[in-house]
């Protein structure tokens, strides 16, 4: 067990990828469970439930990605990271819709399979964006650190 914990804490790229996938899974489950609870038990309109579940799931994702997956413990830059995460999510949403439209309408791929391909592609791209842009701790004398 100690070896597993040490491996997860090593910063090794494979450990980061696995933590990224686990964080994504936790986020997905959070989204689905809250969607169901808000709709079925609290009797919210399903679109309101979806929006609320998305906000909660996004929060869970941000916290897991920041502090666990990418081990970004620097608190002073959390607002910058949150802003960038929101931008990445909005871009991902746009890419998702565009990709789904193209794959289903023009390539004639079954919509569920198109969503699987789209989600996998976006997840891979997002991993690199999060690792190299969003959750990077700026160097002391960099232009980014002076704007915080």
Foldseek 3Di string as FASTA:
>chain_A
DVVVVCVCVVQPPVSLVVLLVVLVVVLVVQQVVQLCCCCPPVVDDSVVSNVVSNVVSLVSSLVSCQCRNQNQPDPVCSVVLVVVSVVLVVVLVVQQVVQLCCCCVPVVDDSVVSNVVSVVVSSVVVSCCCNPPRRDDDDPPDPVNVVD
